[in-house]
Structures are given as C-alpha cells and as structure tokens.
C-alpha cells in the first residue's frame, strides 16, 4: 500500500522565538530610550531655570540611590534568557528601529523669580 500525505504524521514546525517575547524585548528597549530622552530633557530644563536665577528644590534622594535601586532590581530579576534557536541564519545587524522625527523644540517658558525685589 502506498502512503498518502494524509496518512503520514505531520512534522512539528521549526521552533522560533515567540512573538510575545520579541515584542516585550522591543518594548523594553523603547522604554529605556524614552527614559534617557526624558532625563536629558529634564536636565536641560533644570539648566535653563538655573541660568535664569531660579532656585531649584533639592532632589528627594541622591543620584546614587537611583543607581542602587537599579542594581537591586537587576539582582532580583532572573537572568535573561536568549530566544530559542531558530532555523534561520543569525542576523549580524539588529533591525533598525524607526526613530521619531525630531520636532522643533518648543520655546522655553520663562519663569519670573518669586523673590520680592529688595
């Protein structure tokens, strides 16, 4: 008897990274870039206010405590696992993530000093 395609067991599909894993990985990269962008923008705003003579309130904690928080989070997080092997050859370059086009910076808001004139 000749085997027909319907009588043969189906071969399992080749394993590939789960789309959810890849989306989460891309989301983390995006969030990290955005966090750095926001931090740089806040630093520029602080510098502009200082140059206008405004006194800024002290930061709630030192920057080292922020770094310590990140180190503690890294220590608590499980080791990152690589994506499962695929049948495709590994790519030597990471796909470029489209960057949003830089928009013109809005005009800085001038904050008048709150101290009464002497």
PDB file of N, CA and C in Angstrom:
ATOM      1  N   UNK A   1       0.841  -1.172   0.000  1.00  0.00           N
ATOM      2  CA  UNK A   1       0.000   0.000   0.000  1.00  0.00           C
ATOM      3  C   UNK A   1       0.889   1.240   0.000  1.00  0.00           C
ATOM      4  N   UNK A   2       0.524   2.236  -0.783  1.00  0.00           N
ATOM      5  CA  UNK A   2       1.298   3.470  -0.906  1.00  0.00           C
ATOM      6  C   UNK A   2       0.786   4.464   0.132  1.00  0.00           C
ATOM      7  N   UNK A   3       1.731   5.104   0.833  1.00  0.00           N
ATOM      8  CA  UNK A   3       1.346   6.073   1.865  1.00  0.00           C
ATOM      9  C   UNK A   3       0.895   7.362   1.203  1.00  0.00           C
ATOM     10  N   UNK A   4      -0.213   7.845   1.614  1.00  0.00           N
ATOM     11  CA  UNK A   4      -0.712   9.129   1.114  1.00  0.00           C
ATOM     12  C   UNK A   4      -0.331  10.215   2.111  1.00  0.00           C
ATOM     13  N   UNK A   5      -0.288  11.463   1.672  1.00  0.00           N
ATOM     14  CA  UNK A   5       0.111  12.542   2.587  1.00  0.00           C
ATOM     15  C   UNK A   5      -0.748  12.605   3.840  1.00  0.00           C
ATOM     16  N   UNK A   6      -1.999  12.229   3.773  1.00  0.00           N
ATOM     17  CA  UNK A   6      -2.851  12.324   4.950  1.00  0.00           C
ATOM     18  C   UNK A   6      -2.545  11.238   5.971  1.00  0.00           C
ATOM     19  N   UNK A   7      -1.898  10.143   5.543  1.00  0.00           N
ATOM     20  CA  UNK A   7      -1.611   9.065   6.484  1.00  0.00           C
ATOM     21  C   UNK A   7      -0.265   9.227   7.180  1.00  0.00           C
ATOM     22  N   UNK A   8       0.590  10.156   6.719  1.00  0.00           N
ATOM     23  CA  UNK A   8       1.893  10.383   7.340  1.00  0.00           C
ATOM     24  C   UNK A   8       1.728  11.328   8.530  1.00  0.00           C
ATOM     25  N   UNK A   9       2.472  11.092   9.620  1.00  0.00           N
ATOM     26  CA  UNK A   9       2.380  12.030  10.745  1.00  0.00           C
ATOM     27  C   UNK A   9       2.968  13.383  10.343  1.00  0.00           C
ATOM     28  N   UNK A  10       2.331  14.446  10.794  1.00  0.00           N
ATOM     29  CA  UNK A  10       2.795  15.796  10.460  1.00  0.00           C
ATOM     30  C   UNK A  10       4.063  16.107  11.250  1.00  0.00           C
ATOM     31  N   UNK A  11       5.043  16.689  10.569  1.00  0.00           N
ATOM     32  CA  UNK A  11       6.288  17.080  11.231  1.00  0.00           C
ATOM     33  C   UNK A  11       6.023  18.356  12.024  1.00  0.00           C
ATOM     34  N   UNK A  12       6.594  18.469  13.225  1.00  0.00           N
ATOM     35  CA  UNK A  12       6.372  19.699  14.003  1.00  0.00           C
ATOM     36  C   UNK A  12       7.033  20.884  13.301  1.00  0.00           C
ATOM     37  N   UNK A  13       6.425  22.064  13.386  1.00  0.00           N
ATOM     38  CA  UNK A  13       7.035  23.239  12.752  1.00  0.00           C
ATOM     39  C   UNK A  13       8.338  23.591  13.463  1.00  0.00           C
ATOM     40  N   UNK A  14       9.273  24.218  12.749  1.00  0.00           N
ATOM     41  CA  UNK A  14      10.539  24.596  13.394  1.00  0.00           C
ATOM     42  C   UNK A  14      10.277  25.614  14.498  1.00  0.00           C
ATOM     43  N   UNK A  15      11.046  25.500  15.580  1.00  0.00           N
ATOM     44  CA  UNK A  15      10.838  26.428  16.693  1.00  0.00           C
ATOM     45  C   UNK A  15      11.380  27.803  16.327  1.00  0.00           C
ATOM     46  N   UNK A  16      10.685  28.815  16.757  1.00  0.00           N
ATOM     47  CA  UNK A  16      11.073  30.203  16.505  1.00  0.00           C
ATOM     48  C   UNK A  16      10.745  30.993  17.762  1.00  0.00           C
ATOM     49  N   UNK A  17      11.401  32.135  17.948  1.00  0.00           N
ATOM     50  CA  UNK A  17      11.075  32.941  19.128  1.00  0.00           C
ATOM     51  C   UNK A  17       9.592  33.302  19.107  1.00  0.00           C
ATOM     52  N   UNK A  18       9.007  33.276  20.273  1.00  0.00           N
ATOM     53  CA  UNK A  18       7.594  33.630  20.363  1.00  0.00           C
ATOM     54  C   UNK A  18       7.437  35.118  20.077  1.00  0.00           C
ATOM     55  N   UNK A  19       6.395  35.475  19.337  1.00  0.00           N
ATOM     56  CA  UNK A  19       6.196  36.902  19.039  1.00  0.00           C
ATOM     57  C   UNK A  19       6.064  37.747  20.300  1.00  0.00           C
ATOM     58  N   UNK A  20       5.461  37.190  21.339  1.00  0.00           N
ATOM     59  CA  UNK A  20       5.304  37.953  22.584  1.00  0.00           C
ATOM     60  C   UNK A  20       6.666  38.298  23.174  1.00  0.00           C
ATOM     61  N   UNK A  21       7.587  37.339  23.160  1.00  0.00           N
ATOM     62  CA  UNK A  21       8.932  37.572  23.693  1.00  0.00           C
ATOM     63  C   UNK A  21       9.605  38.704  22.922  1.00  0.00           C
ATOM     64  N   UNK A  22       9.506  38.657  21.596  1.00  0.00           N
ATOM     65  CA  UNK A  22      10.151  39.681  20.779  1.00  0.00           C
ATOM     66  C   UNK A  22       9.513  41.051  21.009  1.00  0.00           C
ATOM     67  N   UNK A  23       8.195  41.082  21.169  1.00  0.00           N
ATOM     68  CA  UNK A  23       7.527  42.357  21.428  1.00  0.00           C
ATOM     69  C   UNK A  23       7.942  42.937  22.775  1.00  0.00           C
ATOM     70  N   UNK A  24       8.022  42.099  23.774  1.00  0.00           N
ATOM     71  CA  UNK A  24       8.420  42.565  25.106  1.00  0.00           C
ATOM     72  C   UNK A  24       9.861  43.062  25.073  1.00  0.00           C
ATOM     73  N   UNK A  25      10.716  42.341  24.365  1.00  0.00           N
ATOM     74  CA  UNK A  25      12.119  42.751  24.253  1.00  0.00           C
ATOM     75  C   UNK A  25      12.209  44.127  23.584  1.00  0.00           C
ATOM     76  N   UNK A  26      11.454  44.328  22.519  1.00  0.00           N
ATOM     77  CA  UNK A  26      11.467  45.609  21.819  1.00  0.00           C
ATOM     78  C   UNK A  26      10.876  46.712  22.701  1.00  0.00           C
ATOM     79  N   UNK A  27       9.832  46.370  23.460  1.00  0.00           N
ATOM     80  CA  UNK A  27       9.214  47.346  24.360  1.00  0.00           C
ATOM     81  C   UNK A  27      10.207  47.817  25.416  1.00  0.00           C
ATOM     82  N   UNK A  28      10.980  46.901  25.990  1.00  0.00           N
ATOM     83  CA  UNK A  28      11.973  47.294  26.995  1.00  0.00           C
ATOM     84  C   UNK A  28      13.024  48.222  26.398  1.00  0.00           C
ATOM     85  N   UNK A  29      13.483  47.929  25.193  1.00  0.00           N
ATOM     86  CA  UNK A  29      14.464  48.814  24.546  1.00  0.00           C
ATOM     87  C   UNK A  29      13.867  50.202  24.338  1.00  0.00           C
ATOM     88  N   UNK A  30      12.625  50.238  23.859  1.00  0.00           N
ATOM     89  CA  UNK A  30      11.956  51.516  23.620  1.00  0.00           C
ATOM     90  C   UNK A  30      11.814  52.310  24.915  1.00  0.00           C
ATOM     91  N   UNK A  31      11.380  51.651  25.984  1.00  0.00           N
ATOM     92  CA  UNK A  31      11.194  52.338  27.264  1.00  0.00           C
ATOM     93  C   UNK A  31      12.514  52.877  27.803  1.00  0.00           C
ATOM     94  N   UNK A  32      13.586  52.138  27.629  1.00  0.00           N
ATOM     95  CA  UNK A  32      14.891  52.606  28.099  1.00  0.00           C
ATOM     96  C   UNK A  32      15.318  53.858  27.334  1.00  0.00           C
ATOM     97  N   UNK A  33      15.125  53.847  26.002  1.00  0.00           N
ATOM     98  CA  UNK A  33      15.471  55.033  25.207  1.00  0.00           C
ATOM     99  C   UNK A  33      14.621  56.229  25.626  1.00  0.00           C
ATOM    100  N   UNK A  34      13.335  56.015  25.839  1.00  0.00           N
ATOM    101  CA  UNK A  34      12.453  57.107  26.253  1.00  0.00           C
ATOM    102  C   UNK A  34      12.849  57.648  27.621  1.00  0.00           C
ATOM    103  N   UNK A  35      13.223  56.761  28.542  1.00  0.00           N
ATOM    104  CA  UNK A  35      13.635  57.194  29.877  1.00  0.00           C
ATOM    105  C   UNK A  35      14.864  58.098  29.780  1.00  0.00           C
ATOM    106  N   UNK A  36      15.830  57.708  28.949  1.00  0.00           N
ATOM    107  CA  UNK A  36      17.023  58.532  28.776  1.00  0.00           C
ATOM    108  C   UNK A  36      16.671  59.869  28.122  1.00  0.00           C
ATOM    109  N   UNK A  37      15.756  59.834  27.158  1.00  0.00           N
ATOM    110  CA  UNK A  37      15.335  61.066  26.485  1.00  0.00           C
ATOM    111  C   UNK A  37      14.684  62.028  27.485  1.00  0.00           C
ATOM    112  N   UNK A  38      13.815  61.512  28.325  1.00  0.00           N
ATOM    113  CA  UNK A  38      13.134  62.346  29.327  1.00  0.00           C
ATOM    114  C   UNK A  38      14.142  62.906  30.318  1.00  0.00           C
ATOM    115  N   UNK A  39      15.085  62.075  30.747  1.00  0.00           N
ATOM    116  CA  UNK A  39      16.088  62.547  31.708  1.00  0.00           C
ATOM    117  C   UNK A  39      16.931  63.680  31.111  1.00  0.00           C
ATOM    118  N   UNK A  40      17.345  63.537  29.834  1.00  0.00           N
ATOM    119  CA  UNK A  40      18.125  64.600  29.194  1.00  0.00           C
ATOM    120  C   UNK A  40      17.306  65.882  29.081  1.00  0.00           C
ATOM    121  N   UNK A  41      16.034  65.736  28.737  1.00  0.00           N
ATOM    122  CA  UNK A  41      15.182  66.917  28.596  1.00  0.00           C
ATOM    123  C   UNK A  41      14.992  67.619  29.942  1.00  0.00           C
ATOM    124  N   UNK A  42      14.788  66.855  30.994  1.00  0.00           N
ATOM    125  CA  UNK A  42      14.651  67.454  32.328  1.00  0.00           C
ATOM    126  C   UNK A  42      15.941  68.154  32.749  1.00  0.00           C
ATOM    127  N   UNK A  43      17.082  67.562  32.433  1.00  0.00           N
ATOM    128  CA  UNK A  43      18.357  68.205  32.757  1.00  0.00           C
ATOM    129  C   UNK A  43      18.482  69.546  32.038  1.00  0.00           C
ATOM    130  N   UNK A  44      18.072  69.597  30.760  1.00  0.00           N
ATOM    131  CA  UNK A  44      18.131  70.860  30.018  1.00  0.00           C
ATOM    132  C   UNK A  44      17.197  71.897  30.636  1.00  0.00           C
ATOM    133  N   UNK A  45      16.018  71.455  31.059  1.00  0.00           N
ATOM    134  CA  UNK A  45      15.077  72.389  31.693  1.00  0.00           C
ATOM    135  C   UNK A  45      15.652  72.919  33.003  1.00  0.00           C
ATOM    136  N   UNK A  46      16.276  72.044  33.788  1.00  0.00           N
ATOM    137  CA  UNK A  46      16.906  72.485  35.036  1.00  0.00           C
ATOM    138  C   UNK A  46      17.984  73.520  34.753  1.00  0.00           C
ATOM    139  N   UNK A  47      18.819  73.263  33.747  1.00  0.00           N
ATOM    140  CA  UNK A  47      19.894  74.195  33.420  1.00  0.00           C
ATOM    141  C   UNK A  47      19.330  75.545  32.976  1.00  0.00           C
ATOM    142  N   UNK A  48      18.239  75.522  32.209  1.00  0.00           N
ATOM    143  CA  UNK A  48      17.626  76.778  31.767  1.00  0.00           C
ATOM    144  C   UNK A  48      17.091  77.558  32.960  1.00  0.00           C
ATOM    145  N   UNK A  49      16.453  76.884  33.894  1.00  0.00           N
ATOM    146  CA  UNK A  49      15.926  77.566  35.080  1.00  0.00           C
ATOM    147  C   UNK A  49      17.055  78.118  35.941  1.00  0.00           C
ATOM    148  N   UNK A  50      18.123  77.354  36.090  1.00  0.00           N
ATOM    149  CA  UNK A  50      19.263  77.819  36.887  1.00  0.00           C
ATOM    150  C   UNK A  50      19.885  79.046  36.234  1.00  0.00           C
ATOM    151  N   UNK A  51      19.994  79.046  34.900  1.00  0.00           N
ATOM    152  CA  UNK A  51      20.599  80.192  34.215  1.00  0.00           C
ATOM    153  C   UNK A  51      19.732  81.445  34.356  1.00  0.00           C
ATOM    154  N   UNK A  52      18.428  81.259  34.611  1.00  0.00           N
ATOM    155  CA  UNK A  52      17.548  82.408  34.838  1.00  0.00           C
ATOM    156  C   UNK A  52      17.567  82.863  36.288  1.00  0.00           C
ATOM    157  N   UNK A  53      18.294  82.154  37.125  1.00  0.00           N
ATOM    158  CA  UNK A  53      18.424  82.536  38.519  1.00  0.00           C
ATOM    159  C   UNK A  53      17.415  81.884  39.440  1.00  0.00           C
ATOM    160  N   UNK A  54      16.658  80.942  38.943  1.00  0.00           N
ATOM    161  CA  UNK A  54      15.674  80.270  39.794  1.00  0.00           C
ATOM    162  C   UNK A  54      16.380  79.268  40.694  1.00  0.00           C
ATOM    163  N   UNK A  55      15.889  79.169  41.922  1.00  0.00           N
ATOM    164  CA  UNK A  55      16.434  78.166  42.835  1.00  0.00           C
ATOM    165  C   UNK A  55      15.585  76.920  42.731  1.00  0.00           C
ATOM    166  N   UNK A  56      16.224  75.810  42.477  1.00  0.00           N
ATOM    167  CA  UNK A  56      15.503  74.550  42.371  1.00  0.00           C
ATOM    168  C   UNK A  56      15.498  73.855  43.716  1.00  0.00           C
ATOM    169  N   UNK A  57      14.404  73.186  44.053  1.00  0.00           N
ATOM    170  CA  UNK A  57      14.386  72.441  45.317  1.00  0.00           C
ATOM    171  C   UNK A  57      15.373  71.285  45.241  1.00  0.00           C
ATOM    172  N   UNK A  58      15.896  70.862  46.384  1.00  0.00           N
ATOM    173  CA  UNK A  58      16.844  69.739  46.353  1.00  0.00           C
ATOM    174  C   UNK A  58      16.142  68.477  45.873  1.00  0.00           C
ATOM    175  N   UNK A  59      16.915  67.615  45.253  1.00  0.00           N
ATOM    176  CA  UNK A  59      16.368  66.340  44.796  1.00  0.00           C
ATOM    177  C   UNK A  59      15.972  65.506  46.005  1.00  0.00           C
ATOM    178  N   UNK A  60      14.926  64.686  45.892  1.00  0.00           N
ATOM    179  CA  UNK A  60      14.487  63.890  47.040  1.00  0.00           C
ATOM    180  C   UNK A  60      15.567  62.937  47.537  1.00  0.00           C
ATOM    181  N   UNK A  61      16.292  62.320  46.652  1.00  0.00           N
ATOM    182  CA  UNK A  61      17.386  61.418  47.010  1.00  0.00           C
ATOM    183  C   UNK A  61      18.557  61.720  46.098  1.00  0.00           C
ATOM    184  N   UNK A  62      19.700  61.233  46.482  1.00  0.00           N
ATOM    185  CA  UNK A  62      20.862  61.427  45.630  1.00  0.00           C
ATOM    186  C   UNK A  62      20.752  60.514  44.415  1.00  0.00           C
ATOM    187  N   UNK A  63      21.525  60.829  43.390  1.00  0.00           N
ATOM    188  CA  UNK A  63      21.515  60.005  42.182  1.00  0.00           C
ATOM    189  C   UNK A  63      22.051  58.612  42.461  1.00  0.00           C
ATOM    190  N   UNK A  64      22.906  58.492  43.460  1.00  0.00           N
ATOM    191  CA  UNK A  64      23.458  57.169  43.752  1.00  0.00           C
ATOM    192  C   UNK A  64      22.375  56.239  44.258  1.00  0.00           C
ATOM    193  N   UNK A  65      21.365  56.773  44.953  1.00  0.00           N
ATOM    194  CA  UNK A  65      20.296  55.888  45.419  1.00  0.00           C
ATOM    195  C   UNK A  65      19.489  55.367  44.238  1.00  0.00           C
ATOM    196  N   UNK A  66      19.359  56.187  43.177  1.00  0.00           N
ATOM    197  CA  UNK A  66      18.666  55.736  41.972  1.00  0.00           C
ATOM    198  C   UNK A  66      19.444  54.593  41.323  1.00  0.00           C
ATOM    199  N   UNK A  67      20.772  54.740  41.275  1.00  0.00           N
ATOM    200  CA  UNK A  67      21.602  53.675  40.708  1.00  0.00           C
ATOM    201  C   UNK A  67      21.518  52.416  41.567  1.00  0.00           C
ATOM    202  N   UNK A  68      21.464  52.596  42.887  1.00  0.00           N
ATOM    203  CA  UNK A  68      21.345  51.436  43.771  1.00  0.00           C
ATOM    204  C   UNK A  68      20.022  50.720  43.533  1.00  0.00           C
ATOM    205  N   UNK A  69      18.949  51.485  43.306  1.00  0.00           N
ATOM    206  CA  UNK A  69      17.654  50.870  43.018  1.00  0.00           C
ATOM    207  C   UNK A  69      17.743  50.004  41.772  1.00  0.00           C
ATOM    208  N   UNK A  70      18.419  50.522  40.736  1.00  0.00           N
ATOM    209  CA  UNK A  70      18.562  49.746  39.503  1.00  0.00           C
ATOM    210  C   UNK A  70      19.379  48.484  39.744  1.00  0.00           C
ATOM    211  N   UNK A  71      20.430  48.596  40.558  1.00  0.00           N
ATOM    212  CA  UNK A  71      21.250  47.414  40.845  1.00  0.00           C
ATOM    213  C   UNK A  71      20.443  46.381  41.613  1.00  0.00           C
ATOM    214  N   UNK A  72      19.613  46.839  42.557  1.00  0.00           N
ATOM    215  CA  UNK A  72      18.780  45.904  43.312  1.00  0.00           C
ATOM    216  C   UNK A  72      17.764  45.228  42.396  1.00  0.00           C
ATOM    217  N   UNK A  73      17.177  46.004  41.470  1.00  0.00           N
ATOM    218  CA  UNK A  73      16.226  45.417  40.532  1.00  0.00           C
ATOM    219  C   UNK A  73      16.910  44.367  39.669  1.00  0.00           C
ATOM    220  N   UNK A  74      18.135  44.678  39.221  1.00  0.00           N
ATOM    221  CA  UNK A  74      18.871  43.721  38.395  1.00  0.00           C
ATOM    222  C   UNK A  74      19.171  42.455  39.177  1.00  0.00           C
ATOM    223  N   UNK A  75      19.492  42.604  40.465  1.00  0.00           N
ATOM    224  CA  UNK A  75      19.815  41.435  41.280  1.00  0.00           C
ATOM    225  C   UNK A  75      18.573  40.578  41.515  1.00  0.00           C
ATOM    226  N   UNK A  76      17.405  41.223  41.653  1.00  0.00           N
ATOM    227  CA  UNK A  76      16.169  40.481  41.898  1.00  0.00           C
ATOM    228  C   UNK A  76      15.639  39.822  40.637  1.00  0.00           C
ATOM    229  N   UNK A  77      15.900  40.422  39.482  1.00  0.00           N
ATOM    230  CA  UNK A  77      15.360  39.890  38.228  1.00  0.00           C
ATOM    231  C   UNK A  77      16.080  38.597  37.863  1.00  0.00           C
ATOM    232  N   UNK A  78      15.345  37.622  37.330  1.00  0.00           N
ATOM    233  CA  UNK A  78      16.009  36.391  36.891  1.00  0.00           C
ATOM    234  C   UNK A  78      16.907  36.687  35.698  1.00  0.00           C
ATOM    235  N   UNK A  79      17.899  35.838  35.514  1.00  0.00           N
ATOM    236  CA  UNK A  79      18.828  36.034  34.402  1.00  0.00           C
ATOM    237  C   UNK A  79      18.049  35.996  33.096  1.00  0.00           C
ATOM    238  N   UNK A  80      18.393  36.911  32.204  1.00  0.00           N
ATOM    239  CA  UNK A  80      17.688  36.980  30.925  1.00  0.00           C
ATOM    240  C   UNK A  80      18.068  35.779  30.074  1.00  0.00           C
ATOM    241  N   UNK A  81      17.056  35.151  29.505  1.00  0.00           N
ATOM    242  CA  UNK A  81      17.308  34.002  28.653  1.00  0.00           C
ATOM    243  C   UNK A  81      17.278  34.452  27.207  1.00  0.00           C
ATOM    244  N   UNK A  82      18.137  33.846  26.411  1.00  0.00           N
ATOM    245  CA  UNK A  82      18.149  34.156  24.993  1.00  0.00           C
ATOM    246  C   UNK A  82      16.945  33.518  24.326  1.00  0.00           C
ATOM    247  N   UNK A  83      16.597  34.052  23.174  1.00  0.00           N
ATOM    248  CA  UNK A  83      15.492  33.484  22.411  1.00  0.00           C
ATOM    249  C   UNK A  83      15.872  32.079  21.964  1.00  0.00           C
ATOM    250  N   UNK A  84      14.899  31.194  21.814  1.00  0.00           N
ATOM    251  CA  UNK A  84      15.211  29.846  21.348  1.00  0.00           C
ATOM    252  C   UNK A  84      15.878  29.896  19.978  1.00  0.00           C
ATOM    253  N   UNK A  85      16.697  28.894  19.703  1.00  0.00           N
ATOM    254  CA  UNK A  85      17.377  28.840  18.417  1.00  0.00           C
ATOM    255  C   UNK A  85      16.355  28.754  17.294  1.00  0.00           C
ATOM    256  N   UNK A  86      16.675  29.391  16.180  1.00  0.00           N
ATOM    257  CA  UNK A  86      15.787  29.352  15.027  1.00  0.00           C
ATOM    258  C   UNK A  86      16.492  28.632  13.898  1.00  0.00           C
ATOM    259  N   UNK A  87      15.734  28.295  12.868  1.00  0.00           N
ATOM    260  CA  UNK A  87      16.335  27.638  11.712  1.00  0.00           C
ATOM    261  C   UNK A  87      16.927  28.661  10.761  1.00  0.00           C
ATOM    262  N   UNK A  88      16.635  29.939  10.986  1.00  0.00           N
ATOM    263  CA  UNK A  88      17.189  30.982  10.138  1.00  0.00           C
ATOM    264  C   UNK A  88      18.629  31.259  10.553  1.00  0.00           C
ATOM    265  N   UNK A  89      19.470  31.686   9.602  1.00  0.00           N
ATOM    266  CA  UNK A  89      20.832  32.064   9.994  1.00  0.00           C
ATOM    267  C   UNK A  89      20.773  33.309  10.861  1.00  0.00           C
ATOM    268  N   UNK A  90      21.664  33.439  11.843  1.00  0.00           N
ATOM    269  CA  UNK A  90      21.635  34.613  12.718  1.00  0.00           C
ATOM    270  C   UNK A  90      21.930  35.878  11.923  1.00  0.00           C
ATOM    271  N   UNK A  91      21.236  36.939  12.301  1.00  0.00           N
ATOM    272  CA  UNK A  91      21.467  38.220  11.648  1.00  0.00           C
ATOM    273  C   UNK A  91      22.658  38.893  12.308  1.00  0.00           C
ATOM    274  N   UNK A  92      23.493  39.514  11.491  1.00  0.00           N
ATOM    275  CA  UNK A  92      24.668  40.173  12.047  1.00  0.00           C
ATOM    276  C   UNK A  92      24.339  41.586  12.499  1.00  0.00           C
ATOM    277  N   UNK A  93      23.290  42.163  11.962  1.00  0.00           N
ATOM    278  CA  UNK A  93      22.900  43.506  12.370  1.00  0.00           C
ATOM    279  C   UNK A  93      21.497  43.463  12.925  1.00  0.00           C
ATOM    280  N   UNK A  94      21.284  44.267  13.942  1.00  0.00           N
ATOM    281  CA  UNK A  94      19.946  44.373  14.510  1.00  0.00           C
ATOM    282  C   UNK A  94      19.117  45.248  13.583  1.00  0.00           C
ATOM    283  N   UNK A  95      17.846  44.915  13.456  1.00  0.00           N
ATOM    284  CA  UNK A  95      16.981  45.716  12.607  1.00  0.00           C
ATOM    285  C   UNK A  95      16.931  47.134  13.153  1.00  0.00           C
ATOM    286  N   UNK A  96      17.065  48.125  12.286  1.00  0.00           N
ATOM    287  CA  UNK A  96      16.976  49.496  12.792  1.00  0.00           C
ATOM    288  C   UNK A  96      15.551  49.790  13.233  1.00  0.00           C
ATOM    289  N   UNK A  97      15.446  50.368  14.411  1.00  0.00           N
ATOM    290  CA  UNK A  97      14.140  50.752  14.936  1.00  0.00           C
ATOM    291  C   UNK A  97      13.874  52.163  14.446  1.00  0.00           C
ATOM    292  N   UNK A  98      12.737  52.381  13.785  1.00  0.00           N
ATOM    293  CA  UNK A  98      12.478  53.731  13.275  1.00  0.00           C
ATOM    294  C   UNK A  98      12.400  54.732  14.418  1.00  0.00           C
ATOM    295  N   UNK A  99      13.177  55.781  14.296  1.00  0.00           N
ATOM    296  CA  UNK A  99      13.194  56.830  15.310  1.00  0.00           C
ATOM    297  C   UNK A  99      12.184  57.899  14.915  1.00  0.00           C
ATOM    298  N   UNK A 100      11.453  58.428  15.877  1.00  0.00           N
ATOM    299  CA  UNK A 100      10.524  59.506  15.534  1.00  0.00           C
ATOM    300  C   UNK A 100      11.310  60.721  15.052  1.00  0.00           C
ATOM    301  N   UNK A 101      10.747  61.414  14.098  1.00  0.00           N
ATOM    302  CA  UNK A 101      11.413  62.591  13.564  1.00  0.00           C
ATOM    303  C   UNK A 101      11.485  63.656  14.651  1.00  0.00           C
ATOM    304  N   UNK A 102      12.661  64.260  14.826  1.00  0.00           N
ATOM    305  CA  UNK A 102      12.769  65.280  15.874  1.00  0.00           C
ATOM    306  C   UNK A 102      11.879  66.473  15.527  1.00  0.00           C
ATOM    307  N   UNK A 103      11.118  66.872  16.504  1.00  0.00           N
ATOM    308  CA  UNK A 103      10.260  68.030  16.324  1.00  0.00           C
ATOM    309  C   UNK A 103      10.996  69.240  16.862  1.00  0.00           C
ATOM    310  N   UNK A 104      10.626  70.381  16.353  1.00  0.00           N
ATOM    311  CA  UNK A 104      11.294  71.581  16.835  1.00  0.00           C
ATOM    312  C   UNK A 104      10.967  71.757  18.314  1.00  0.00           C
ATOM    313  N   UNK A 105      11.963  72.149  19.058  1.00  0.00           N
ATOM    314  CA  UNK A 105      11.802  72.326  20.499  1.00  0.00           C
ATOM    315  C   UNK A 105      10.837  73.483  20.750  1.00  0.00           C
ATOM    316  N   UNK A 106       9.900  73.316  21.668  1.00  0.00           N
ATOM    317  CA  UNK A 106       9.020  74.444  21.992  1.00  0.00           C
ATOM    318  C   UNK A 106       9.826  75.543  22.677  1.00  0.00           C
ATOM    319  N   UNK A 107       9.338  76.742  22.542  1.00  0.00           N
ATOM    320  CA  UNK A 107      10.020  77.865  23.178  1.00  0.00           C
ATOM    321  C   UNK A 107      10.058  77.642  24.686  1.00  0.00           C
ATOM    322  N   UNK A 108      11.188  77.944  25.331  1.00  0.00           N
ATOM    323  CA  UNK A 108      11.251  77.748  26.783  1.00  0.00           C
ATOM    324  C   UNK A 108      10.288  78.697  27.493  1.00  0.00           C
ATOM    325  N   UNK A 109       9.721  78.205  28.563  1.00  0.00           N
ATOM    326  CA  UNK A 109       8.807  79.011  29.367  1.00  0.00           C
ATOM    327  C   UNK A 109       9.636  79.800  30.373  1.00  0.00           C
ATOM    328  N   UNK A 110       9.465  81.106  30.366  1.00  0.00           N
ATOM    329  CA  UNK A 110      10.221  81.963  31.269  1.00  0.00           C
ATOM    330  C   UNK A 110       9.466  82.026  32.590  1.00  0.00           C
ATOM    331  N   UNK A 111      10.160  81.635  33.652  1.00  0.00           N
ATOM    332  CA  UNK A 111       9.564  81.658  34.985  1.00  0.00           C
ATOM    333  C   UNK A 111      10.155  82.847  35.735  1.00  0.00           C
ATOM    334  N   UNK A 112       9.321  83.850  36.067  1.00  0.00           N
ATOM    335  CA  UNK A 112       9.871  85.003  36.790  1.00  0.00           C
ATOM    336  C   UNK A 112      10.255  84.587  38.207  1.00  0.00           C
ATOM    337  N   UNK A 113      11.288  85.223  38.753  1.00  0.00           N
ATOM    338  CA  UNK A 113      11.688  84.882  40.123  1.00  0.00           C
ATOM    339  C   UNK A 113      10.557  85.206  41.097  1.00  0.00           C
ATOM    340  N   UNK A 114      10.431  84.382  42.115  1.00  0.00           N
ATOM    341  CA  UNK A 114       9.353  84.573  43.096  1.00  0.00           C
ATOM    342  C   UNK A 114       9.797  85.410  44.286  1.00  0.00           C
ATOM    343  N   UNK A 115      11.085  85.714  44.373  1.00  0.00           N
ATOM    344  CA  UNK A 115      11.579  86.514  45.493  1.00  0.00           C
ATOM    345  C   UNK A 115      11.131  87.966  45.313  1.00  0.00           C
ATOM    346  N   UNK A 116      10.706  88.618  46.397  1.00  0.00           N
ATOM    347  CA  UNK A 116      10.306  90.036  46.279  1.00  0.00           C
ATOM    348  C   UNK A 116      11.539  90.890  46.000  1.00  0.00           C
ATOM    349  N   UNK A 117      11.369  91.967  45.249  1.00  0.00           N
ATOM    350  CA  UNK A 117      12.529  92.840  44.972  1.00  0.00           C
ATOM    351  C   UNK A 117      13.053  93.449  46.266  1.00  0.00           C
ATOM    352  N   UNK A 118      14.356  93.647  46.311  1.00  0.00           N
ATOM    353  CA  UNK A 118      14.990  94.167  47.521  1.00  0.00           C
ATOM    354  C   UNK A 118      15.031  95.666  47.486  1.00  0.00           C
TER     355      UNK A 118
END
